[in-house]
């Protein structure tokens, strides 16, 4: 995704559902901008973080990655889809 005027000024920490722990995860994954995040695949990010840490992370990390990538790709994403728990419900429904 190209940097758009709406993405240019946004910082990772301004995204909904993103706090200090998630910012550390992004840094560990070498993701430093919203534009970089917009080019990511949440499942691949989650798998990479699991490998880097040598253990499976809580699945809510995946849900938060989904929320963050969706926001990075769509600055006008509906508020509900900006929340990690929207993606958690979606993931859990897929397991049925």
Protein backbone atom coordinates (compact mmCIF):
# COMPACT_ATOMS: atom_id res chain seq x y z
CA UNK A 1 0.00 0.00 0.00
CA UNK A 2 1.31 3.38 -0.89
CA UNK A 3 1.58 6.04 1.75
CA UNK A 4 -1.59 8.09 1.57
CA UNK A 5 -2.10 11.55 3.05
CA UNK A 6 -4.16 9.90 5.82
CA UNK A 7 -1.42 7.34 6.61
CA UNK A 8 1.46 9.79 6.41
CA UNK A 9 0.79 11.49 9.74
CA UNK A 10 -0.45 8.50 11.73
CA UNK A 11 1.84 6.84 14.24
CA UNK A 12 1.59 3.20 15.33
CA UNK A 13 0.79 4.24 18.89
CA UNK A 14 -2.23 6.22 17.70
CA UNK A 15 -3.98 3.12 16.38
CA UNK A 16 -6.86 1.82 18.50
CA UNK A 17 -5.99 -1.28 20.59
CA UNK A 18 -2.24 -0.54 20.37
CA UNK A 19 -0.42 0.03 23.64
CA UNK A 20 3.17 -0.17 24.88
CA UNK A 21 3.41 -3.99 24.74
CA UNK A 22 2.19 -4.12 21.15
CA UNK A 23 4.59 -1.32 20.18
CA UNK A 24 7.42 -3.49 21.57
CA UNK A 25 6.14 -6.42 19.49
CA UNK A 26 6.11 -4.24 16.36
CA UNK A 27 9.68 -3.12 17.11
CA UNK A 28 10.78 -6.73 17.55
CA UNK A 29 9.19 -7.48 14.17
CA UNK A 30 10.95 -4.40 12.72
CA UNK A 31 7.71 -2.63 11.92
CA UNK A 32 8.17 1.08 12.59
CA UNK A 33 5.43 2.85 10.63
CA UNK A 34 1.77 2.61 9.72
CA UNK A 35 2.78 2.33 6.05
CA UNK A 36 4.98 -0.70 6.86
CA UNK A 37 2.19 -2.23 8.94
CA UNK A 38 -0.27 -1.85 6.04
CA UNK A 39 1.89 -4.20 3.97
CA UNK A 40 1.90 -6.96 6.60
CA UNK A 41 -0.09 -10.18 6.98
CA UNK A 42 -1.30 -10.57 10.61
CA UNK A 43 -0.98 -14.38 10.59
CA UNK A 44 2.59 -14.18 9.32
CA UNK A 45 3.42 -11.52 11.92
CA UNK A 46 2.03 -13.80 14.65
CA UNK A 47 3.98 -16.83 13.39
CA UNK A 48 7.17 -14.74 13.18
CA UNK A 49 6.75 -13.43 16.73
CA UNK A 50 6.18 -17.00 17.98
CA UNK A 51 9.43 -18.09 16.30
CA UNK A 52 11.39 -15.09 17.61
CA UNK A 53 10.21 -15.71 21.17
CA UNK A 54 10.48 -19.48 21.02
CA UNK A 55 6.94 -19.97 22.31
CA UNK A 56 3.34 -19.54 21.25
CA UNK A 57 1.94 -16.14 22.11
CA UNK A 58 -1.57 -15.61 23.39
CA UNK A 59 -4.01 -15.70 20.44
CA UNK A 60 -5.19 -12.21 21.45
CA UNK A 61 -1.87 -10.99 20.04
CA UNK A 62 -3.02 -12.27 16.63
CA UNK A 63 -6.36 -10.52 17.12
CA UNK A 64 -4.57 -7.26 17.90
CA UNK A 65 -2.35 -7.67 14.85
CA UNK A 66 -5.51 -8.12 12.74
CA UNK A 67 -7.04 -4.94 14.18
CA UNK A 68 -3.84 -2.97 13.65
CA UNK A 69 -3.25 -4.11 10.06
CA UNK A 70 -6.90 -3.45 9.17
CA UNK A 71 -6.60 0.10 10.53
CA UNK A 72 -3.31 0.64 8.72
CA UNK A 73 -4.89 -0.42 5.43
CA UNK A 74 -8.10 1.55 5.96
CA UNK A 75 -7.91 4.82 7.91
CA UNK A 76 -11.72 4.98 7.80
CA UNK A 77 -12.27 1.50 9.21
CA UNK A 78 -15.49 1.29 11.25
CA UNK A 79 -14.80 1.75 14.98
CA UNK A 80 -15.94 -1.79 15.85
CA UNK A 81 -13.32 -3.32 13.55
CA UNK A 82 -10.57 -1.25 15.21
CA UNK A 83 -11.01 -3.20 18.45
CA UNK A 84 -9.04 -6.41 18.97
CA UNK A 85 -12.08 -8.18 20.43
CA UNK A 86 -13.93 -7.86 17.09
CA UNK A 87 -11.17 -9.97 15.55
CA UNK A 88 -11.18 -12.34 18.53
CA UNK A 89 -14.88 -13.07 18.01
CA UNK A 90 -14.26 -13.56 14.31
CA UNK A 91 -11.35 -15.98 14.97
CA UNK A 92 -13.37 -17.98 17.51
CA UNK A 93 -16.35 -18.25 15.17
CA UNK A 94 -14.03 -19.68 12.51
CA UNK A 95 -13.07 -22.55 14.83
CA UNK A 96 -16.62 -23.95 14.94
